[in-house]
Amino acid sequence: MKPIEKTDPLTGEVFTAFRANQVFASDENRIRFNNLKAKELRESKSEIDKPLLINFRILNELMAGKKEEVFHKQFLLGKGYSFLVLTHYEEFNGKRFMAVYNFIIVPQEGDNIKIVRK
């Protein structure tokens, strides 16, 4: 194969590619480029991912060894739980409710919330 002149997308330097599929001038540039892209993606998702992780940790702690439990909404808020984020909706007793990973959030009478582990 004839060497091809290419431009490294990380540094902008022109280099001689010895493989047709070579994109970067060095392994270090490839790794750094991909790490920067992954970091950018993590940062763009962090506004949602961080509260979700906090919610999941709270629910895991509160539901250790339990299948269902009822908590007051203010208690959950006091623990740092955010009702603004969820992972999906799940059907429970014929109705659809918000869910955080494997926990279904079922509003009850007053300000009580039933948490059901799937």
Protein backbone atom coordinates (compact mmCIF):
# COMPACT_ATOMS: atom_id res chain seq x y z
CA MET A 1 0.00 0.00 0.00
CA LYS A 2 1.18 3.47 -0.85
CA PRO A 3 1.55 5.84 2.15
CA ILE A 4 -1.20 8.46 2.38
CA GLU A 5 -0.99 11.95 3.87
CA LYS A 6 -3.74 12.48 6.48
CA THR A 7 -4.56 15.04 9.14
CA ASP A 8 -4.84 13.95 12.78
CA PRO A 9 -8.31 15.05 14.07
CA LEU A 10 -6.92 15.75 17.57
CA THR A 11 -3.82 17.79 16.85
CA GLY A 12 -4.38 18.86 13.24
CA GLU A 13 -0.90 17.66 12.32
CA VAL A 14 -0.32 16.13 8.92
CA PHE A 15 1.13 12.61 9.09
CA THR A 16 1.84 9.68 6.81
CA ALA A 17 -0.68 6.88 7.26
CA PHE A 18 0.66 3.42 6.58
CA ARG A 19 -2.76 1.73 6.86
CA ALA A 20 -5.86 2.69 4.90
CA ASN A 21 -7.93 2.88 8.11
CA GLN A 22 -5.37 4.84 10.18
CA VAL A 23 -6.95 8.06 11.46
CA PHE A 24 -4.55 9.31 14.14
CA ALA A 25 -0.83 10.01 14.06
CA SER A 26 -0.27 7.98 17.24
CA ASP A 27 -2.04 5.67 19.69
CA GLU A 28 -1.77 8.39 22.35
CA ASN A 29 -3.69 10.84 20.13
CA ARG A 30 -6.41 8.24 19.46
CA ILE A 31 -6.80 7.46 23.17
CA ARG A 32 -6.82 11.15 24.16
CA PHE A 33 -9.35 12.01 21.41
CA ASN A 34 -11.72 9.22 22.48
CA ASN A 35 -11.33 10.06 26.17
CA LEU A 36 -12.18 13.72 25.45
CA LYS A 37 -15.28 12.68 23.49
CA ALA A 38 -16.38 10.36 26.31
CA LYS A 39 -15.83 13.14 28.89
CA GLU A 40 -17.88 15.56 26.79
CA LEU A 41 -20.73 13.03 26.61
CA ARG A 42 -20.60 12.38 30.38
CA GLU A 43 -20.69 16.11 31.11
CA SER A 44 -23.66 16.66 28.78
CA LYS A 45 -25.60 13.86 30.55
CA SER A 46 -24.59 14.79 34.10
CA GLU A 47 -27.53 17.15 34.66
CA ILE A 48 -29.83 14.11 34.50
CA ASP A 49 -27.48 11.29 35.48
CA LYS A 50 -26.38 12.80 38.81
CA PRO A 51 -29.92 13.20 40.26
CA LEU A 52 -30.84 9.73 38.91
CA LEU A 53 -27.88 8.17 40.67
CA ILE A 54 -28.77 9.99 43.90
CA ASN A 55 -32.39 8.78 43.62
CA PHE A 56 -31.24 5.21 42.97
CA ARG A 57 -28.91 5.24 45.99
CA ILE A 58 -31.67 6.62 48.24
CA LEU A 59 -34.17 4.02 47.06
CA ASN A 60 -31.63 1.20 47.39
CA GLU A 61 -30.88 2.26 50.95
CA LEU A 62 -34.53 2.66 51.97
CA MET A 63 -35.70 -0.53 50.27
CA ALA A 64 -32.94 -2.86 51.48
CA GLY A 65 -34.64 -6.22 52.04
CA LYS A 66 -38.13 -4.85 51.22
CA LYS A 67 -40.47 -5.41 48.31
CA GLU A 68 -42.88 -2.51 49.05
CA GLU A 69 -42.81 0.39 51.49
CA VAL A 70 -44.69 3.66 51.97
CA PHE A 71 -42.85 6.91 52.70
CA HIS A 72 -44.00 10.48 53.17
CA LYS A 73 -43.07 12.73 50.25
CA GLN A 74 -41.34 15.22 52.58
CA PHE A 75 -39.21 12.42 54.03
CA LEU A 76 -37.99 11.49 50.53
CA LEU A 77 -37.34 15.15 49.68
CA GLY A 78 -35.42 15.53 52.95
CA LYS A 79 -33.22 12.57 51.97
CA GLY A 80 -32.40 14.42 48.73
CA TYR A 81 -34.75 12.55 46.39
CA SER A 82 -35.77 14.43 43.23
CA PHE A 83 -39.18 13.77 41.69
CA LEU A 84 -38.05 15.58 38.52
CA VAL A 85 -36.09 12.67 37.03
CA LEU A 86 -37.06 9.13 36.14
CA THR A 87 -35.80 6.35 33.90
CA HIS A 88 -39.10 5.12 32.47
CA TYR A 89 -42.76 4.39 33.15
CA GLU A 90 -43.83 1.00 34.49
CA GLU A 91 -47.23 -0.65 34.74
CA PHE A 92 -48.40 -1.57 38.24
CA ASN A 93 -51.93 -2.75 39.12
CA GLY A 94 -53.16 -1.80 35.64
CA LYS A 95 -51.85 1.78 35.73
CA ARG A 96 -48.61 3.39 34.55
CA PHE A 97 -46.32 5.03 37.09
CA MET A 98 -42.93 6.71 37.09
CA ALA A 99 -39.99 4.39 37.73
CA VAL A 100 -36.36 4.80 38.67
CA TYR A 101 -34.50 1.74 37.40
CA ASN A 102 -36.12 -1.21 39.22
CA PHE A 103 -38.28 0.89 41.58
CA ILE A 104 -41.85 1.97 40.79
CA ILE A 105 -43.03 5.23 42.38
CA VAL A 106 -46.74 4.98 43.24
CA PRO A 107 -48.46 8.10 44.69
CA GLN A 108 -50.83 7.33 47.57
CA GLU A 109 -53.45 9.28 49.53
CA GLY A 110 -52.18 12.58 50.89
CA ASP A 111 -48.45 13.06 50.48
CA ASN A 112 -47.51 9.41 50.82
CA ILE A 113 -45.51 7.57 48.16
CA LYS A 114 -45.39 3.80 47.83
CA ILE A 115 -42.10 2.44 46.49
CA VAL A 116 -42.32 -0.98 44.84
CA ARG A 117 -39.26 -3.00 43.92
CA LYS A 118 -39.75 -4.91 40.66
